[in-house]
Amino acid sequence: MPNESVAPSESIRSRFIGAPVAVESSYYCSRELAEVIVRMVWNILGVLATAYAALLIGVFLFQSRLVYFPEIGRESSATPRDAGLEYEEVRLDTGDGESLHAWFVPAPQPRGTVLLFHGNAGNISHRLEYLLMLHRLGYSSFIFDYRGYGKSSGSPSEQGTYRDAEAAWRYLTVTRKIEPRRIALLGESLGGAVAAWLASRQQPGALVLASVFTSVPDMGAEVYPFLPVRLLSRFDYNTRAYLKNVETPVLIAHSREDEIIPYRHGRALFEAAREPKSFLEMRGGHNDSFLFSQETWARELGAFLDRYVGNPAVPAPAGN
C-alpha cells in the first residue's frame, strides 16, 4: 500500500515540474523568432532606404539627362533645301563663348520673321515642316540649335539656353536690323519656356507657345510622384512665371490628347498670360498633334501672325 501511494505522487510531481521547462523553452523560441523577423524587416527597410537614397542622388546629379536629349537624330543632315527652301547658314556667337548653328530662311516680301525655339530632343534638321509652313504663310524664319545640340558647341544648361536665345535675338535685331515688333517668337515644348523667358525681357511682336509645360518641377512632380522633385530639381524653366511679365500678344496651342505634357498645362499658361491672348485646342499626341491639326494650325497661326506681326497698322508694343 505505501508503494502504491508514493508512485502516483511522484508521477504528478514530475508532470508539474516539467511543465515550466516546456513553457519556458517555447517562450524563448518565440522570442528568438520575433527577433529574427524584426532584424529581417530592418534589413529590408535598410536596403530600400539605401536604394531610394541612391536614386535621389542619381536623379539630382544626372537630371540633365532627363531634360535634354541632343543625341536623338544627331546624324541627320537634312537642310531647308531638301524641302525646296533657300536658306543662309549662320553661326551665332554667345556671350559666354559658345558657337551655335542656325538657319535663316527668307521669304519673298516677308510679312515678318519668326524666331523658332525647338524642343528638348533632336535638332533643327527635324523642324523642316515648321520652316516650310512659315514660308507658305509669307514669313521668314530663323531657327538655331541650343548649345550641345546638332552642330552647336558646348553642353546644354538652363542658363545656357537663355544665353542662346539672347544671341539669336541680337542676330535678328542687330545684325539683320529687323524691328522687334516684326518678330514673333515660337517655342515648342521646352523651347516654349525659353521663348517665354526671352519675351519677358524683350518686346517681340508676338509669342506663340505650342505644347508647353508650366515648369520643369511641375512636370517632374507629375511624372515622378514618388520623388521629392521640387526639392531635387536643379531646373526651373518656369513658363507660367515668365508669362506674367510678357506684354505682347500670346497664342497658346495644346492638345487634349498630349500624352507627355498634359492639356491642363496649356490651360494654366493661358490663364497666366495677359491680354490679348488666344487659345487653340489641337488634336493628336505630343509629337504629332500639329500633323493631325495641320490645316487648322496653319490657318490659326497665320491669322494670329498677320494680326500682330504682319500688319503694319498694329502699333508697336509699349517700350519699343
C-alpha atoms as a PDB file:
ATOM      1  CA  MET A   1       0.000   0.000   0.000  1.00  0.00           C
ATOM      2  CA  PRO A   2       2.718   2.583   0.852  1.00  0.00           C
ATOM      3  CA  ASN A   3       4.367   1.923  -2.525  1.00  0.00           C
ATOM      4  CA  GLU A   4       1.114   2.366  -4.338  1.00  0.00           C
ATOM      5  CA  SER A   5       0.532   5.789  -2.654  1.00  0.00           C
ATOM      6  CA  VAL A   6       4.032   7.062  -3.459  1.00  0.00           C
ATOM      7  CA  ALA A   7       4.080   6.258  -7.176  1.00  0.00           C
ATOM      8  CA  PRO A   8       1.127   8.427  -8.143  1.00  0.00           C
ATOM      9  CA  SER A   9       2.509  11.340  -6.138  1.00  0.00           C
ATOM     10  CA  GLU A  10       5.865  11.199  -7.903  1.00  0.00           C
ATOM     11  CA  SER A  11       4.172  10.949 -11.274  1.00  0.00           C
ATOM     12  CA  ILE A  12       2.053  14.028 -10.628  1.00  0.00           C
ATOM     13  CA  ARG A  13       5.030  15.986  -9.288  1.00  0.00           C
ATOM     14  CA  SER A  14       7.171  15.125 -12.310  1.00  0.00           C
ATOM     15  CA  ARG A  15       4.454  16.368 -14.643  1.00  0.00           C
ATOM     16  CA  PHE A  16       4.155  19.697 -12.831  1.00  0.00           C
ATOM     17  CA  ILE A  17       7.920  20.138 -12.536  1.00  0.00           C
ATOM     18  CA  GLY A  18       8.428  19.508 -16.281  1.00  0.00           C
ATOM     19  CA  ALA A  19       5.697  21.891 -17.495  1.00  0.00           C
ATOM     20  CA  PRO A  20       7.527  25.186 -16.760  1.00  0.00           C
ATOM     21  CA  VAL A  21      10.544  23.900 -18.645  1.00  0.00           C
ATOM     22  CA  ALA A  22       8.481  23.299 -21.764  1.00  0.00           C
ATOM     23  CA  VAL A  23       6.707  26.666 -21.478  1.00  0.00           C
ATOM     24  CA  GLU A  24       9.982  28.497 -20.951  1.00  0.00           C
ATOM     25  CA  SER A  25      11.558  26.763 -23.945  1.00  0.00           C
ATOM     26  CA  SER A  26       8.587  27.703 -26.138  1.00  0.00           C
ATOM     27  CA  TYR A  27       8.800  31.321 -24.927  1.00  0.00           C
ATOM     28  CA  TYR A  28      12.479  31.610 -25.804  1.00  0.00           C
ATOM     29  CA  CYS A  29      11.894  30.102 -29.268  1.00  0.00           C
ATOM     30  CA  SER A  30       9.098  32.567 -29.986  1.00  0.00           C
ATOM     31  CA  ARG A  31      11.218  35.492 -28.834  1.00  0.00           C
ATOM     32  CA  GLU A  32      14.144  34.409 -30.975  1.00  0.00           C
ATOM     33  CA  LEU A  33      11.821  34.063 -33.983  1.00  0.00           C
ATOM     34  CA  ALA A  34      10.408  37.557 -33.384  1.00  0.00           C
ATOM     35  CA  GLU A  35      13.916  38.984 -33.141  1.00  0.00           C
ATOM     36  CA  VAL A  36      14.858  37.302 -36.430  1.00  0.00           C
ATOM     37  CA  ILE A  37      11.770  38.738 -38.138  1.00  0.00           C
ATOM     38  CA  VAL A  38      12.463  42.214 -36.753  1.00  0.00           C
ATOM     39  CA  ARG A  39      16.059  42.035 -37.989  1.00  0.00           C
ATOM     40  CA  MET A  40      14.868  40.902 -41.412  1.00  0.00           C
ATOM     41  CA  VAL A  41      12.378  43.767 -41.594  1.00  0.00           C
ATOM     42  CA  TRP A  42      15.023  46.305 -40.605  1.00  0.00           C
ATOM     43  CA  ASN A  43      17.450  44.832 -43.126  1.00  0.00           C
ATOM     44  CA  ILE A  44      14.846  45.093 -45.884  1.00  0.00           C
ATOM     45  CA  LEU A  45      13.995  48.658 -44.851  1.00  0.00           C
ATOM     46  CA  GLY A  46      17.693  49.475 -44.800  1.00  0.00           C
ATOM     47  CA  VAL A  47      18.171  48.115 -48.324  1.00  0.00           C
ATOM     48  CA  LEU A  48      15.119  50.033 -49.566  1.00  0.00           C
ATOM     49  CA  ALA A  49      16.256  53.237 -47.876  1.00  0.00           C
ATOM     50  CA  THR A  50      19.737  52.867 -49.363  1.00  0.00           C
ATOM     51  CA  ALA A  51      18.304  52.206 -52.818  1.00  0.00           C
ATOM     52  CA  TYR A  52      15.943  55.194 -52.529  1.00  0.00           C
ATOM     53  CA  ALA A  53      18.775  57.445 -51.347  1.00  0.00           C
ATOM     54  CA  ALA A  54      20.914  56.256 -54.270  1.00  0.00           C
ATOM     55  CA  LEU A  55      18.017  57.010 -56.618  1.00  0.00           C
ATOM     56  CA  LEU A  56      17.665  60.526 -55.190  1.00  0.00           C
ATOM     57  CA  ILE A  57      21.392  61.172 -55.546  1.00  0.00           C
ATOM     58  CA  GLY A  58      21.367  59.827 -59.098  1.00  0.00           C
ATOM     59  CA  VAL A  59      18.408  61.982 -60.098  1.00  0.00           C
ATOM     60  CA  PHE A  60      19.987  65.060 -58.551  1.00  0.00           C
ATOM     61  CA  LEU A  61      23.361  64.535 -60.216  1.00  0.00           C
ATOM     62  CA  PHE A  62      22.208  63.334 -63.625  1.00  0.00           C
ATOM     63  CA  GLN A  63      18.856  65.067 -64.051  1.00  0.00           C
ATOM     64  CA  SER A  64      20.113  66.975 -67.089  1.00  0.00           C
ATOM     65  CA  ARG A  65      19.898  63.636 -68.933  1.00  0.00           C
ATOM     66  CA  LEU A  66      16.183  63.610 -68.121  1.00  0.00           C
ATOM     67  CA  VAL A  67      15.733  67.124 -69.519  1.00  0.00           C
ATOM     68  CA  TYR A  68      17.940  67.290 -72.631  1.00  0.00           C
ATOM     69  CA  PHE A  69      18.145  64.731 -75.453  1.00  0.00           C
ATOM     70  CA  PRO A  70      20.528  66.278 -78.012  1.00  0.00           C
ATOM     71  CA  GLU A  71      21.800  62.900 -79.201  1.00  0.00           C
ATOM     72  CA  ILE A  72      18.493  61.953 -80.855  1.00  0.00           C
ATOM     73  CA  GLY A  73      18.929  62.149 -84.614  1.00  0.00           C
ATOM     74  CA  ARG A  74      22.276  63.929 -84.326  1.00  0.00           C
ATOM     75  CA  GLU A  75      23.434  62.220 -87.525  1.00  0.00           C
ATOM     76  CA  SER A  76      20.632  63.839 -89.550  1.00  0.00           C
ATOM     77  CA  SER A  77      21.964  66.089 -92.313  1.00  0.00           C
ATOM     78  CA  ALA A  78      18.701  67.358 -93.811  1.00  0.00           C
ATOM     79  CA  THR A  79      18.596  71.069 -94.697  1.00  0.00           C
ATOM     80  CA  PRO A  80      15.870  73.506 -95.785  1.00  0.00           C
ATOM     81  CA  ARG A  81      16.980  72.912 -99.374  1.00  0.00           C
ATOM     82  CA  ASP A  82      15.626  69.364 -99.035  1.00  0.00           C
ATOM     83  CA  ALA A  83      12.216  70.981 -98.527  1.00  0.00           C
ATOM     84  CA  GLY A  84      12.721  73.259-101.518  1.00  0.00           C
ATOM     85  CA  LEU A  85      13.692  76.301 -99.451  1.00  0.00           C
ATOM     86  CA  GLU A  86      16.628  78.613 -99.972  1.00  0.00           C
ATOM     87  CA  TYR A  87      18.447  79.429 -96.751  1.00  0.00           C
ATOM     88  CA  GLU A  88      21.506  81.003 -95.189  1.00  0.00           C
ATOM     89  CA  GLU A  89      23.816  79.062 -92.888  1.00  0.00           C
ATOM     90  CA  VAL A  90      24.560  81.130 -89.784  1.00  0.00           C
ATOM     91  CA  ARG A  91      26.963  80.835 -86.850  1.00  0.00           C
ATOM     92  CA  LEU A  92      25.945  82.644 -83.673  1.00  0.00           C
ATOM     93  CA  ASP A  93      28.440  83.661 -81.005  1.00  0.00           C
ATOM     94  CA  THR A  94      27.011  83.656 -77.494  1.00  0.00           C
ATOM     95  CA  GLY A  95      28.043  85.959 -74.692  1.00  0.00           C
ATOM     96  CA  ASP A  96      29.916  83.153 -72.953  1.00  0.00           C
ATOM     97  CA  GLY A  97      31.901  81.952 -75.967  1.00  0.00           C
ATOM     98  CA  GLU A  98      29.774  79.175 -77.484  1.00  0.00           C
ATOM     99  CA  SER A  99      29.151  78.885 -81.228  1.00  0.00           C
ATOM    100  CA  LEU A 100      25.618  77.996 -82.340  1.00  0.00           C
ATOM    101  CA  HIS A 101      24.470  76.539 -85.633  1.00  0.00           C
ATOM    102  CA  ALA A 102      21.465  78.281 -87.211  1.00  0.00           C
ATOM    103  CA  TRP A 103      19.497  78.744 -90.424  1.00  0.00           C
ATOM    104  CA  PHE A 104      17.823  81.850 -91.765  1.00  0.00           C
ATOM    105  CA  VAL A 105      15.114  81.060 -94.307  1.00  0.00           C
ATOM    106  CA  PRO A 106      13.983  84.218 -96.129  1.00  0.00           C
ATOM    107  CA  ALA A 107      10.524  84.630 -97.580  1.00  0.00           C
ATOM    108  CA  PRO A 108       9.924  86.818-100.643  1.00  0.00           C
ATOM    109  CA  GLN A 109       8.458  90.119 -99.463  1.00  0.00           C
ATOM    110  CA  PRO A 110       8.120  88.784 -95.907  1.00  0.00           C
ATOM    111  CA  ARG A 111       5.292  89.899 -93.652  1.00  0.00           C
ATOM    112  CA  GLY A 112       7.624  89.392 -90.698  1.00  0.00           C
ATOM    113  CA  THR A 113      10.115  86.962 -89.173  1.00  0.00           C
ATOM    114  CA  VAL A 114       9.524  84.052 -86.808  1.00  0.00           C
ATOM    115  CA  LEU A 115      12.260  83.059 -84.357  1.00  0.00           C
ATOM    116  CA  LEU A 116      11.863  79.341 -83.621  1.00  0.00           C
ATOM    117  CA  PHE A 117      12.802  77.558 -80.379  1.00  0.00           C
ATOM    118  CA  HIS A 118      12.684  73.777 -80.748  1.00  0.00           C
ATOM    119  CA  GLY A 119      12.021  71.233 -78.009  1.00  0.00           C
ATOM    120  CA  ASN A 120      14.413  69.211 -75.876  1.00  0.00           C
ATOM    121  CA  ALA A 121      15.051  66.405 -78.394  1.00  0.00           C
ATOM    122  CA  GLY A 122      16.642  66.370 -81.829  1.00  0.00           C
ATOM    123  CA  ASN A 123      17.896  69.449 -83.658  1.00  0.00           C
ATOM    124  CA  ILE A 124      16.973  71.992 -86.312  1.00  0.00           C
ATOM    125  CA  SER A 125      17.126  69.417 -89.106  1.00  0.00           C
ATOM    126  CA  HIS A 126      13.980  67.819 -87.640  1.00  0.00           C
ATOM    127  CA  ARG A 127      11.917  71.027 -87.911  1.00  0.00           C
ATOM    128  CA  LEU A 128      11.760  71.478 -91.672  1.00  0.00           C
ATOM    129  CA  GLU A 129       7.940  71.302 -91.585  1.00  0.00           C
ATOM    130  CA  TYR A 130       7.834  74.468 -89.489  1.00  0.00           C
ATOM    131  CA  LEU A 131      10.118  76.285 -91.901  1.00  0.00           C
ATOM    132  CA  LEU A 132       8.048  75.204 -94.882  1.00  0.00           C
ATOM    133  CA  MET A 133       4.754  76.177 -93.219  1.00  0.00           C
ATOM    134  CA  LEU A 134       6.018  79.620 -92.236  1.00  0.00           C
ATOM    135  CA  HIS A 135       7.413  80.185 -95.723  1.00  0.00           C
ATOM    136  CA  ARG A 136       3.998  79.381 -97.201  1.00  0.00           C
ATOM    137  CA  LEU A 137       2.412  81.818 -94.746  1.00  0.00           C
ATOM    138  CA  GLY A 138       4.730  84.538 -96.028  1.00  0.00           C
ATOM    139  CA  TYR A 139       7.133  84.730 -93.076  1.00  0.00           C
ATOM    140  CA  SER A 140      10.897  84.431 -92.936  1.00  0.00           C
ATOM    141  CA  SER A 141      12.126  82.103 -90.213  1.00  0.00           C
ATOM    142  CA  PHE A 142      15.217  81.810 -88.085  1.00  0.00           C
ATOM    143  CA  ILE A 143      15.956  78.603 -86.210  1.00  0.00           C
ATOM    144  CA  PHE A 144      19.013  77.659 -84.168  1.00  0.00           C
ATOM    145  CA  ASP A 145      20.338  74.749 -82.142  1.00  0.00           C
ATOM    146  CA  TYR A 146      20.948  75.234 -78.446  1.00  0.00           C
ATOM    147  CA  ARG A 147      24.453  74.628 -77.157  1.00  0.00           C
ATOM    148  CA  GLY A 148      25.232  70.921 -77.223  1.00  0.00           C
ATOM    149  CA  TYR A 149      22.628  70.240 -79.915  1.00  0.00           C
ATOM    150  CA  GLY A 150      23.257  69.486 -83.581  1.00  0.00           C
ATOM    151  CA  LYS A 151      26.373  71.314 -84.778  1.00  0.00           C
ATOM    152  CA  SER A 152      26.466  73.788 -81.882  1.00  0.00           C
ATOM    153  CA  SER A 153      29.309  73.722 -79.376  1.00  0.00           C
ATOM    154  CA  GLY A 154      29.098  73.213 -75.625  1.00  0.00           C
ATOM    155  CA  SER A 155      26.695  71.358 -73.346  1.00  0.00           C
ATOM    156  CA  PRO A 156      23.067  72.297 -72.653  1.00  0.00           C
ATOM    157  CA  SER A 157      22.007  74.014 -69.432  1.00  0.00           C
ATOM    158  CA  GLU A 158      19.105  76.212 -68.424  1.00  0.00           C
ATOM    159  CA  GLN A 159      21.095  79.429 -68.229  1.00  0.00           C
ATOM    160  CA  GLY A 160      22.908  78.399 -71.388  1.00  0.00           C
ATOM    161  CA  THR A 161      19.668  78.120 -73.366  1.00  0.00           C
ATOM    162  CA  TYR A 162      18.725  81.620 -72.210  1.00  0.00           C
ATOM    163  CA  ARG A 163      22.080  82.974 -73.424  1.00  0.00           C
ATOM    164  CA  ASP A 164      21.494  81.172 -76.716  1.00  0.00           C
ATOM    165  CA  ALA A 165      18.102  82.886 -77.033  1.00  0.00           C
ATOM    166  CA  GLU A 166      19.714  86.281 -76.437  1.00  0.00           C
ATOM    167  CA  ALA A 167      22.288  85.573 -79.163  1.00  0.00           C
ATOM    168  CA  ALA A 168      19.531  84.693 -81.637  1.00  0.00           C
ATOM    169  CA  TRP A 169      17.608  87.852 -80.742  1.00  0.00           C
ATOM    170  CA  ARG A 170      20.718  90.001 -81.218  1.00  0.00           C
ATOM    171  CA  TYR A 171      21.326  88.448 -84.608  1.00  0.00           C
ATOM    172  CA  LEU A 172      17.848  89.379 -85.849  1.00  0.00           C
ATOM    173  CA  THR A 173      17.589  92.822 -84.278  1.00  0.00           C
ATOM    174  CA  VAL A 174      21.216  93.995 -84.512  1.00  0.00           C
ATOM    175  CA  THR A 175      22.857  92.086 -87.367  1.00  0.00           C
ATOM    176  CA  ARG A 176      19.828  91.902 -89.656  1.00  0.00           C
ATOM    177  CA  LYS A 177      18.263  95.090 -88.221  1.00  0.00           C
ATOM    178  CA  ILE A 178      14.741  93.651 -88.076  1.00  0.00           C
ATOM    179  CA  GLU A 179      12.293  95.670 -85.997  1.00  0.00           C
ATOM    180  CA  PRO A 180      11.393  93.796 -82.793  1.00  0.00           C
ATOM    181  CA  ARG A 181       7.678  94.261 -83.442  1.00  0.00           C
ATOM    182  CA  ARG A 182       8.117  92.425 -86.763  1.00  0.00           C
ATOM    183  CA  ILE A 183       9.490  89.372 -84.959  1.00  0.00           C
ATOM    184  CA  ALA A 184       7.342  86.608 -83.454  1.00  0.00           C
ATOM    185  CA  LEU A 185       8.778  84.061 -81.036  1.00  0.00           C
ATOM    186  CA  LEU A 186       7.518  80.494 -81.485  1.00  0.00           C
ATOM    187  CA  GLY A 187       8.514  77.835 -78.971  1.00  0.00           C
ATOM    188  CA  GLU A 188       7.551  74.171 -78.792  1.00  0.00           C
ATOM    189  CA  SER A 189       7.697  72.116 -75.580  1.00  0.00           C
ATOM    190  CA  LEU A 190      10.862  73.112 -73.658  1.00  0.00           C
ATOM    191  CA  GLY A 191      11.538  75.745 -76.326  1.00  0.00           C
ATOM    192  CA  GLY A 192       8.343  77.477 -75.245  1.00  0.00           C
ATOM    193  CA  ALA A 193       9.835  78.148 -71.818  1.00  0.00           C
ATOM    194  CA  VAL A 194      12.922  79.679 -73.452  1.00  0.00           C
ATOM    195  CA  ALA A 195      10.765  81.776 -75.793  1.00  0.00           C
ATOM    196  CA  ALA A 196       8.622  82.993 -72.876  1.00  0.00           C
ATOM    197  CA  TRP A 197      11.766  83.904 -70.937  1.00  0.00           C
ATOM    198  CA  LEU A 198      13.012  85.991 -73.861  1.00  0.00           C
ATOM    199  CA  ALA A 199       9.602  87.612 -74.410  1.00  0.00           C
ATOM    200  CA  SER A 200       9.531  88.656 -70.745  1.00  0.00           C
ATOM    201  CA  ARG A 201      12.777  90.616 -71.304  1.00  0.00           C
ATOM    202  CA  GLN A 202      12.328  91.911 -74.840  1.00  0.00           C
ATOM    203  CA  GLN A 203       9.415  93.281 -76.840  1.00  0.00           C
ATOM    204  CA  PRO A 204       8.690  90.982 -79.796  1.00  0.00           C
ATOM    205  CA  GLY A 205       5.557  91.443 -81.857  1.00  0.00           C
ATOM    206  CA  ALA A 206       4.002  88.185 -80.625  1.00  0.00           C
ATOM    207  CA  LEU A 207       4.654  84.992 -78.675  1.00  0.00           C
ATOM    208  CA  VAL A 208       3.411  81.525 -79.691  1.00  0.00           C
ATOM    209  CA  LEU A 209       3.636  78.531 -77.332  1.00  0.00           C
ATOM    210  CA  ALA A 210       2.998  75.053 -78.710  1.00  0.00           C
ATOM    211  CA  SER A 211       2.593  72.105 -76.295  1.00  0.00           C
ATOM    212  CA  VAL A 212       4.449  73.842 -73.467  1.00  0.00           C
ATOM    213  CA  PHE A 213       4.636  72.947 -69.754  1.00  0.00           C
ATOM    214  CA  THR A 214       4.126  75.336 -66.831  1.00  0.00           C
ATOM    215  CA  SER A 215       7.532  74.499 -65.289  1.00  0.00           C
ATOM    216  CA  VAL A 216      10.005  71.632 -65.015  1.00  0.00           C
ATOM    217  CA  PRO A 217       9.240  70.999 -61.306  1.00  0.00           C
ATOM    218  CA  ASP A 218       5.523  70.828 -62.139  1.00  0.00           C
ATOM    219  CA  MET A 219       6.189  68.288 -64.874  1.00  0.00           C
ATOM    220  CA  GLY A 220       8.623  66.285 -62.779  1.00  0.00           C
ATOM    221  CA  ALA A 221       6.208  66.043 -59.861  1.00  0.00           C
ATOM    222  CA  GLU A 222       3.604  64.546 -62.195  1.00  0.00           C
ATOM    223  CA  VAL A 223       5.941  62.123 -63.945  1.00  0.00           C
ATOM    224  CA  TYR A 224       7.744  61.017 -60.740  1.00  0.00           C
ATOM    225  CA  PRO A 225       5.173  61.330 -57.914  1.00  0.00           C
ATOM    226  CA  PHE A 226       7.317  59.066 -55.691  1.00  0.00           C
ATOM    227  CA  LEU A 227      10.213  61.549 -55.707  1.00  0.00           C
ATOM    228  CA  PRO A 228      10.522  64.960 -53.956  1.00  0.00           C
ATOM    229  CA  VAL A 229      11.073  66.590 -57.341  1.00  0.00           C
ATOM    230  CA  ARG A 230      10.510  70.166 -56.178  1.00  0.00           C
ATOM    231  CA  LEU A 231      13.351  69.754 -53.679  1.00  0.00           C
ATOM    232  CA  LEU A 232      15.668  67.940 -56.074  1.00  0.00           C
ATOM    233  CA  SER A 233      15.147  69.906 -59.275  1.00  0.00           C
ATOM    234  CA  ARG A 234      18.087  71.996 -60.479  1.00  0.00           C
ATOM    235  CA  PHE A 235      15.947  73.220 -63.399  1.00  0.00           C
ATOM    236  CA  ASP A 236      13.145  75.727 -63.359  1.00  0.00           C
ATOM    237  CA  TYR A 237      12.037  76.773 -66.850  1.00  0.00           C
ATOM    238  CA  ASN A 238       9.071  78.481 -65.208  1.00  0.00           C
ATOM    239  CA  THR A 239       6.977  79.330 -68.249  1.00  0.00           C
ATOM    240  CA  ARG A 240       3.992  80.391 -66.168  1.00  0.00           C
ATOM    241  CA  ALA A 241       6.036  82.906 -64.172  1.00  0.00           C
ATOM    242  CA  TYR A 242       7.649  84.321 -67.319  1.00  0.00           C
ATOM    243  CA  LEU A 243       4.266  84.749 -68.994  1.00  0.00           C
ATOM    244  CA  LYS A 244       3.107  87.078 -66.250  1.00  0.00           C
ATOM    245  CA  ASN A 245       5.732  89.585 -67.422  1.00  0.00           C
ATOM    246  CA  VAL A 246       5.060  89.229 -71.154  1.00  0.00           C
ATOM    247  CA  GLU A 247       3.347  92.302 -72.609  1.00  0.00           C
ATOM    248  CA  THR A 248       2.997  91.095 -76.201  1.00  0.00           C
ATOM    249  CA  PRO A 249       0.046  89.136 -77.676  1.00  0.00           C
ATOM    250  CA  VAL A 250       0.163  85.410 -76.885  1.00  0.00           C
ATOM    251  CA  LEU A 251      -1.171  82.362 -78.720  1.00  0.00           C
ATOM    252  CA  ILE A 252      -1.158  79.054 -76.848  1.00  0.00           C
ATOM    253  CA  ALA A 253      -1.802  75.768 -78.691  1.00  0.00           C
ATOM    254  CA  HIS A 254      -2.249  72.456 -76.881  1.00  0.00           C
ATOM    255  CA  SER A 255      -3.890  69.081 -77.470  1.00  0.00           C
ATOM    256  CA  ARG A 256      -6.176  67.297 -75.013  1.00  0.00           C
ATOM    257  CA  GLU A 257      -4.536  64.075 -76.209  1.00  0.00           C
ATOM    258  CA  ASP A 258      -0.984  65.179 -75.390  1.00  0.00           C
ATOM    259  CA  GLU A 259       0.471  62.174 -73.561  1.00  0.00           C
ATOM    260  CA  ILE A 260       3.670  63.907 -72.427  1.00  0.00           C
ATOM    261  CA  ILE A 261       2.623  67.405 -71.367  1.00  0.00           C
ATOM    262  CA  PRO A 262      -0.972  67.264 -70.099  1.00  0.00           C
ATOM    263  CA  TYR A 263      -3.572  69.612 -71.564  1.00  0.00           C
ATOM    264  CA  ARG A 264      -4.018  71.340 -68.184  1.00  0.00           C
ATOM    265  CA  HIS A 265      -0.547  72.845 -68.563  1.00  0.00           C
ATOM    266  CA  GLY A 266      -1.656  74.676 -71.680  1.00  0.00           C
ATOM    267  CA  ARG A 267      -4.805  75.925 -69.964  1.00  0.00           C
ATOM    268  CA  ALA A 268      -2.804  77.068 -66.923  1.00  0.00           C
ATOM    269  CA  LEU A 269      -0.477  79.036 -69.192  1.00  0.00           C
ATOM    270  CA  PHE A 270      -3.439  80.629 -70.918  1.00  0.00           C
ATOM    271  CA  GLU A 271      -4.814  81.726 -67.551  1.00  0.00           C
ATOM    272  CA  ALA A 272      -1.436  83.198 -66.589  1.00  0.00           C
ATOM    273  CA  ALA A 273      -0.984  85.169 -69.834  1.00  0.00           C
ATOM    274  CA  ARG A 274      -2.072  88.781 -70.188  1.00  0.00           C
ATOM    275  CA  GLU A 275      -4.487  90.040 -72.799  1.00  0.00           C
ATOM    276  CA  PRO A 276      -4.514  89.964 -75.737  1.00  0.00           C
ATOM    277  CA  LYS A 277      -4.286  86.184 -75.755  1.00  0.00           C
ATOM    278  CA  SER A 278      -5.747  83.275 -77.721  1.00  0.00           C
ATOM    279  CA  PHE A 279      -6.022  79.537 -77.136  1.00  0.00           C
ATOM    280  CA  LEU A 280      -6.093  76.899 -79.870  1.00  0.00           C
ATOM    281  CA  GLU A 281      -7.121  73.348 -78.981  1.00  0.00           C
ATOM    282  CA  MET A 282      -5.259  70.804 -81.091  1.00  0.00           C
ATOM    283  CA  ARG A 283      -5.722  67.090 -81.834  1.00  0.00           C
ATOM    284  CA  GLY A 284      -3.264  64.215 -81.533  1.00  0.00           C
ATOM    285  CA  GLY A 285      -0.315  63.366 -79.297  1.00  0.00           C
ATOM    286  CA  HIS A 286       2.620  65.485 -78.181  1.00  0.00           C
ATOM    287  CA  ASN A 287       4.764  64.793 -81.223  1.00  0.00           C
ATOM    288  CA  ASP A 288       2.067  64.536 -83.862  1.00  0.00           C
ATOM    289  CA  SER A 289      -0.692  66.945 -82.815  1.00  0.00           C
ATOM    290  CA  PHE A 290       0.445  69.537 -85.350  1.00  0.00           C
ATOM    291  CA  LEU A 291       0.262  66.913 -88.085  1.00  0.00           C
ATOM    292  CA  PHE A 292      -3.262  65.898 -87.094  1.00  0.00           C
ATOM    293  CA  SER A 293      -4.323  69.555 -86.962  1.00  0.00           C
ATOM    294  CA  GLN A 294      -2.067  70.864 -89.715  1.00  0.00           C
ATOM    295  CA  GLU A 295      -4.667  72.843 -91.633  1.00  0.00           C
ATOM    296  CA  THR A 296      -6.236  74.352 -88.508  1.00  0.00           C
ATOM    297  CA  TRP A 297      -2.817  75.068 -87.026  1.00  0.00           C
ATOM    298  CA  ALA A 298      -1.524  76.790 -90.163  1.00  0.00           C
ATOM    299  CA  ARG A 299      -4.707  78.805 -90.574  1.00  0.00           C
ATOM    300  CA  GLU A 300      -4.906  79.997 -86.955  1.00  0.00           C
ATOM    301  CA  LEU A 301      -1.183  80.644 -86.681  1.00  0.00           C
ATOM    302  CA  GLY A 302      -1.190  82.616 -89.936  1.00  0.00           C
ATOM    303  CA  ALA A 303      -4.164  84.724 -88.812  1.00  0.00           C
ATOM    304  CA  PHE A 304      -2.521  85.432 -85.453  1.00  0.00           C
ATOM    305  CA  LEU A 305       0.807  86.414 -87.016  1.00  0.00           C
ATOM    306  CA  ASP A 306      -0.867  88.567 -89.650  1.00  0.00           C
ATOM    307  CA  ARG A 307      -2.832  90.400 -86.979  1.00  0.00           C
ATOM    308  CA  TYR A 308       0.054  91.230 -84.652  1.00  0.00           C
ATOM    309  CA  VAL A 309       3.286  90.929 -86.650  1.00  0.00           C
ATOM    310  CA  GLY A 310       2.436  91.219 -90.340  1.00  0.00           C
ATOM    311  CA  ASN A 311       0.002  94.131 -90.015  1.00  0.00           C
ATOM    312  CA  PRO A 312       1.815  97.482 -90.326  1.00  0.00           C
ATOM    313  CA  ALA A 313      -1.205  99.231 -88.792  1.00  0.00           C
ATOM    314  CA  VAL A 314      -0.668  97.496 -85.448  1.00  0.00           C
ATOM    315  CA  PRO A 315       1.209  99.861 -83.098  1.00  0.00           C
ATOM    316  CA  ALA A 316       4.472  98.719 -81.587  1.00  0.00           C
ATOM    317  CA  PRO A 317       4.272  97.233 -78.070  1.00  0.00           C
ATOM    318  CA  ALA A 318       4.967  99.608 -75.197  1.00  0.00           C
ATOM    319  CA  GLY A 319       8.685 100.183 -74.744  1.00  0.00           C
ATOM    320  CA  ASN A 320       9.605  99.986 -78.430  1.00  0.00           C
END
